[in-house]
Amino acid sequence: MSPQRNMTPFGIIFDLDGTLLDTLDDVADAANAALGEAGFEGHPVDAYRFFVGDGARMLIFRALPDEARKGKYIEQCLKRFLAHYQNGWKAKTKPCPGVPQMLANLSRRGISLAVLSNKPHLMTKLCVEHFFPDCSFVRVLGHKENVPKKPDPGGALAIAAKFGLDPENIAFVGDSGVDMHTAANAGMLPVGAAWGFRPVEELLEAGAKRIVDNPQDLPAVVLGG
C-alpha cells in the first residue's frame, strides 16, 4: 500500500508509550519503588526501554530477577507498581518532542486518529486526556479484559470499524516490534517511530514498511506530502 497526498478517507492508529508520550521515567520510578518494597534491586531508567511494550504484568516479570519470576512475586509487585504509577503517572511524563504539532497537522488534514496501547485502559485514557486535551481521537483503547493485548489484531480491527475504514487504509505507528507485528496482523501499514524507546533495527526486523525519524516528518512519510 502506498498512501498518496490528500488520499481520503485515511486513518492512523498510534501506540502511546514511546510514540506519543515519553513515560519512561515515571514507569521506571514506579517499578523500582515496587521492586524495592519487595526487597529486590531496581534498574536504570534506560533498562525499562526493553521492559515496556507488552503490558504491566510483563513489565514486572522482566524487571524481577530470574528466581523471583513466580506468581506470588509477580502479583505482589504488580499491585505495588500499579499503585505507585497511579500516583505518579504525570510527574515526569511529557509528550515526545514534536508530537502535539504532528497531531494538530494530521487533524487539520481530516485524518482519523486513535490510540491503542498495552497500558491498562484507565491509565491510557488518563494520559491521553491530560496530555492531548485538544486532539479529537476517534478511539482511545488500552488493555482491558475484553481487549486482547497487542500484537493480537483485535483492538486495531475494532478501531478500524470505528473509523469506518478498511485496514489497508490505516497506518499503525509505534516504536516497538510488538506494534509492527500488530499492524501486520491487522493488515495495516506498519510505521516505525525511530524517536521511541526501541532501536530502529527492531522495527525493521519486525516488518516496518516505513521508518519516521521525527514526528513532524510523519505526515509526509505516511501521506505522501
Protein backbone atom coordinates (compact mmCIF):
# COMPACT_ATOMS: atom_id res chain seq x y z
CA MET A 1 0.00 0.00 0.00
CA SER A 2 1.31 3.46 -0.87
CA PRO A 3 -0.84 6.23 0.62
CA GLN A 4 -0.87 9.37 -1.52
CA ARG A 5 -1.21 13.00 -0.53
CA ASN A 6 -4.79 14.05 0.18
CA MET A 7 -5.94 10.43 -0.04
CA THR A 8 -9.22 10.20 1.85
CA PRO A 9 -10.51 8.60 3.88
CA PHE A 10 -7.42 7.57 5.84
CA GLY A 11 -6.71 6.74 9.47
CA ILE A 12 -3.72 6.44 11.80
CA ILE A 13 -3.53 4.41 14.99
CA PHE A 14 -0.78 5.36 17.45
CA ASP A 15 0.91 3.42 20.18
CA LEU A 16 1.20 5.54 23.36
CA ASP A 17 4.36 4.93 25.42
CA GLY A 18 7.44 5.94 23.47
CA THR A 19 5.42 7.00 20.44
CA LEU A 20 3.23 9.84 21.69
CA LEU A 21 4.49 10.15 25.27
CA ASP A 22 7.87 9.83 26.95
CA THR A 23 6.68 7.90 30.00
CA LEU A 24 9.92 6.11 30.81
CA ASP A 25 10.92 7.99 33.97
CA ASP A 26 7.53 7.61 35.64
CA VAL A 27 7.28 3.94 34.70
CA ALA A 28 10.80 3.27 35.98
CA ASP A 29 10.21 5.17 39.23
CA ALA A 30 7.01 3.24 39.95
CA ALA A 31 8.53 -0.14 39.08
CA ASN A 32 11.71 0.49 41.06
CA ALA A 33 9.67 1.56 44.07
CA ALA A 34 7.64 -1.66 43.83
CA LEU A 35 10.77 -3.77 43.50
CA GLY A 36 12.42 -2.03 46.45
CA GLU A 37 9.40 -2.64 48.68
CA ALA A 38 9.60 -6.33 47.80
CA GLY A 39 13.31 -6.46 48.62
CA PHE A 40 14.66 -6.50 45.07
CA GLU A 41 17.15 -4.27 43.26
CA GLY A 42 15.83 -1.67 40.85
CA HIS A 43 17.09 -0.94 37.35
CA PRO A 44 18.47 2.08 35.47
CA VAL A 45 15.79 4.04 33.64
CA ASP A 46 17.13 3.01 30.23
CA ALA A 47 16.61 -0.67 31.07
CA TYR A 48 12.87 -0.03 31.03
CA ARG A 49 13.04 0.73 27.29
CA PHE A 50 13.11 -3.04 26.87
CA PHE A 51 10.75 -3.93 29.70
CA VAL A 52 7.75 -1.95 28.45
CA GLY A 53 5.52 -2.72 25.48
CA ASP A 54 3.71 -5.90 26.49
CA GLY A 55 1.59 -4.66 29.37
CA ALA A 56 2.14 -4.08 33.08
CA ARG A 57 2.36 -7.75 34.09
CA MET A 58 5.09 -8.49 31.56
CA LEU A 59 6.94 -5.33 32.61
CA ILE A 60 7.08 -6.62 36.18
CA PHE A 61 8.05 -10.11 35.01
CA ARG A 62 11.00 -8.68 33.10
CA ALA A 63 12.03 -6.39 35.96
CA LEU A 64 12.09 -9.18 38.56
CA PRO A 65 15.22 -11.31 38.98
CA ASP A 66 15.02 -14.78 37.44
CA GLU A 67 14.50 -16.55 40.74
CA ALA A 68 11.55 -14.31 41.64
CA ARG A 69 9.57 -14.69 38.40
CA LYS A 70 6.85 -16.67 40.13
CA GLY A 71 3.17 -15.99 40.64
CA LYS A 72 3.44 -14.68 44.20
CA TYR A 73 6.15 -12.13 43.48
CA ILE A 74 4.65 -11.06 40.17
CA GLU A 75 1.26 -10.39 41.74
CA GLN A 76 2.73 -8.54 44.73
CA CYS A 77 4.99 -6.34 42.66
CA LEU A 78 2.34 -5.74 40.01
CA LYS A 79 -0.09 -4.47 42.65
CA ARG A 80 2.57 -2.20 44.14
CA PHE A 81 3.65 -0.94 40.72
CA LEU A 82 0.10 -0.03 39.70
CA ALA A 83 -0.45 1.83 42.96
CA HIS A 84 2.77 3.83 42.56
CA TYR A 85 2.11 4.53 38.90
CA GLN A 86 -1.43 5.72 39.53
CA ASN A 87 0.01 8.25 41.98
CA GLY A 88 2.90 9.40 39.81
CA TRP A 89 1.94 8.86 36.18
CA LYS A 90 2.34 12.53 35.24
CA ALA A 91 5.26 13.56 37.46
CA LYS A 92 7.88 13.43 34.69
CA THR A 93 5.94 12.23 31.65
CA LYS A 94 5.70 14.59 28.70
CA PRO A 95 4.75 14.44 25.02
CA CYS A 96 7.59 13.36 22.76
CA PRO A 97 9.06 16.47 21.08
CA GLY A 98 7.04 17.49 18.04
CA VAL A 99 4.11 15.17 18.75
CA PRO A 100 1.47 17.82 19.62
CA GLN A 101 2.30 19.71 16.42
CA MET A 102 2.14 16.48 14.40
CA LEU A 103 -1.27 15.59 15.80
CA ALA A 104 -2.57 19.08 15.06
CA ASN A 105 -1.28 18.81 11.49
CA LEU A 106 -2.98 15.46 10.95
CA SER A 107 -6.24 16.69 12.47
CA ARG A 108 -6.27 19.67 10.10
CA ARG A 109 -5.98 17.24 7.20
CA GLY A 110 -9.08 15.39 8.36
CA ILE A 111 -7.21 12.19 9.22
CA SER A 112 -8.99 9.87 11.67
CA LEU A 113 -6.75 9.32 14.72
CA ALA A 114 -6.79 6.74 17.51
CA VAL A 115 -4.59 5.32 20.26
CA LEU A 116 -4.05 1.62 21.01
CA SER A 117 -1.83 0.72 23.96
CA ASN A 118 -0.98 -2.28 26.12
CA LYS A 119 -1.00 0.08 29.11
CA PRO A 120 -4.05 -0.51 31.35
CA HIS A 121 -7.11 1.11 29.77
CA LEU A 122 -7.81 3.60 32.58
CA MET A 123 -4.22 4.85 32.59
CA THR A 124 -4.20 5.06 28.79
CA LYS A 125 -7.29 7.28 28.84
CA LEU A 126 -5.97 9.44 31.67
CA CYS A 127 -2.68 10.03 29.87
CA VAL A 128 -4.31 10.91 26.55
CA GLU A 129 -6.90 13.21 28.10
CA HIS A 130 -4.29 15.00 30.21
CA PHE A 131 -1.51 15.44 27.67
CA PHE A 132 -3.55 15.81 24.47
CA PRO A 133 -6.76 17.58 25.50
CA ASP A 134 -7.08 19.37 22.16
CA CYS A 135 -6.78 16.28 19.96
CA SER A 136 -10.03 14.58 18.99
CA PHE A 137 -9.13 10.90 18.89
CA VAL A 138 -11.87 8.71 17.46
CA ARG A 139 -10.96 5.95 19.93
CA VAL A 140 -8.54 5.56 22.83
CA LEU A 141 -8.08 1.95 23.83
CA GLY A 142 -5.82 0.37 26.43
CA HIS A 143 -5.62 -3.14 27.77
CA LYS A 144 -8.71 -4.47 29.48
CA GLU A 145 -10.22 -7.90 29.96
CA ASN A 146 -12.20 -7.96 26.72
CA VAL A 147 -9.44 -6.42 24.60
CA PRO A 148 -6.54 -8.78 23.78
CA LYS A 149 -3.11 -7.23 24.05
CA LYS A 150 -1.05 -6.31 21.03
CA PRO A 151 0.17 -7.96 18.80
CA ASP A 152 -3.29 -9.53 18.64
CA PRO A 153 -5.08 -7.51 15.93
CA GLY A 154 -8.41 -7.38 17.77
CA GLY A 155 -8.03 -3.90 19.20
CA ALA A 156 -6.69 -2.46 15.95
CA LEU A 157 -9.53 -4.00 13.95
CA ALA A 158 -12.10 -2.68 16.43
CA ILE A 159 -10.67 0.80 15.84
CA ALA A 160 -10.80 0.26 12.07
CA ALA A 161 -14.50 -0.50 12.41
CA LYS A 162 -14.95 2.66 14.48
CA PHE A 163 -13.14 4.63 11.76
CA GLY A 164 -15.37 3.04 9.15
CA LEU A 165 -12.24 2.22 7.14
CA ASP A 166 -10.70 -0.89 5.65
CA PRO A 167 -7.44 -1.89 7.38
CA GLU A 168 -5.38 -1.19 4.25
CA ASN A 169 -6.36 2.47 4.58
CA ILE A 170 -4.91 2.71 8.09
CA ALA A 171 -1.32 3.18 9.28
CA PHE A 172 -0.23 1.82 12.63
CA VAL A 173 2.55 3.95 14.15
CA GLY A 174 4.61 2.57 17.02
CA ASP A 175 8.09 2.29 18.47
CA SER A 176 8.36 -1.46 19.08
CA GLY A 177 8.34 -4.77 17.30
CA VAL A 178 5.03 -5.52 19.02
CA ASP A 179 3.48 -2.55 17.21
CA MET A 180 4.86 -3.61 13.84
CA HIS A 181 3.51 -7.14 14.32
CA THR A 182 0.14 -5.71 15.35
CA ALA A 183 -0.02 -3.69 12.14
CA ALA A 184 0.87 -6.69 10.00
CA ASN A 185 -1.61 -8.94 11.82
CA ALA A 186 -4.36 -6.38 11.21
CA GLY A 187 -3.47 -5.80 7.55
CA MET A 188 -2.39 -2.20 8.23
CA LEU A 189 0.71 -0.24 7.22
CA PRO A 190 3.47 -0.73 9.85
CA VAL A 191 5.24 2.59 10.51
CA GLY A 192 8.18 2.67 12.91
CA ALA A 193 8.72 5.65 15.20
CA ALA A 194 12.51 5.97 15.36
CA TRP A 195 12.28 8.56 18.16
CA GLY A 196 10.83 6.00 20.57
CA PHE A 197 12.15 3.52 23.12
CA ARG A 198 13.38 0.73 20.84
CA PRO A 199 16.13 0.64 18.19
CA VAL A 200 15.29 1.00 14.51
CA GLU A 201 16.76 -2.46 13.88
CA GLU A 202 13.96 -4.00 15.97
CA LEU A 203 11.33 -2.13 13.97
CA LEU A 204 12.76 -3.24 10.63
CA GLU A 205 13.16 -6.84 11.73
CA ALA A 206 9.52 -6.83 12.86
CA GLY A 207 8.32 -5.69 9.44
CA ALA A 208 8.21 -1.88 9.46
CA LYS A 209 7.45 -0.65 5.93
CA ARG A 210 8.33 2.93 6.76
CA ILE A 211 10.61 4.49 9.38
CA VAL A 212 9.98 8.04 10.58
CA ASP A 213 12.86 9.82 12.31
CA ASN A 214 10.90 12.77 13.72
CA PRO A 215 7.18 13.26 14.46
CA GLN A 216 6.97 16.32 12.21
CA ASP A 217 8.02 14.14 9.26
CA LEU A 218 5.24 11.60 9.75
CA PRO A 219 2.52 13.28 7.63
CA ALA A 220 4.84 13.45 4.65
CA VAL A 221 6.14 9.89 5.08
CA VAL A 222 2.73 8.31 5.60
CA LEU A 223 0.52 10.52 3.44
CA GLY A 224 2.97 11.48 0.75
CA GLY A 225 3.12 15.21 1.42
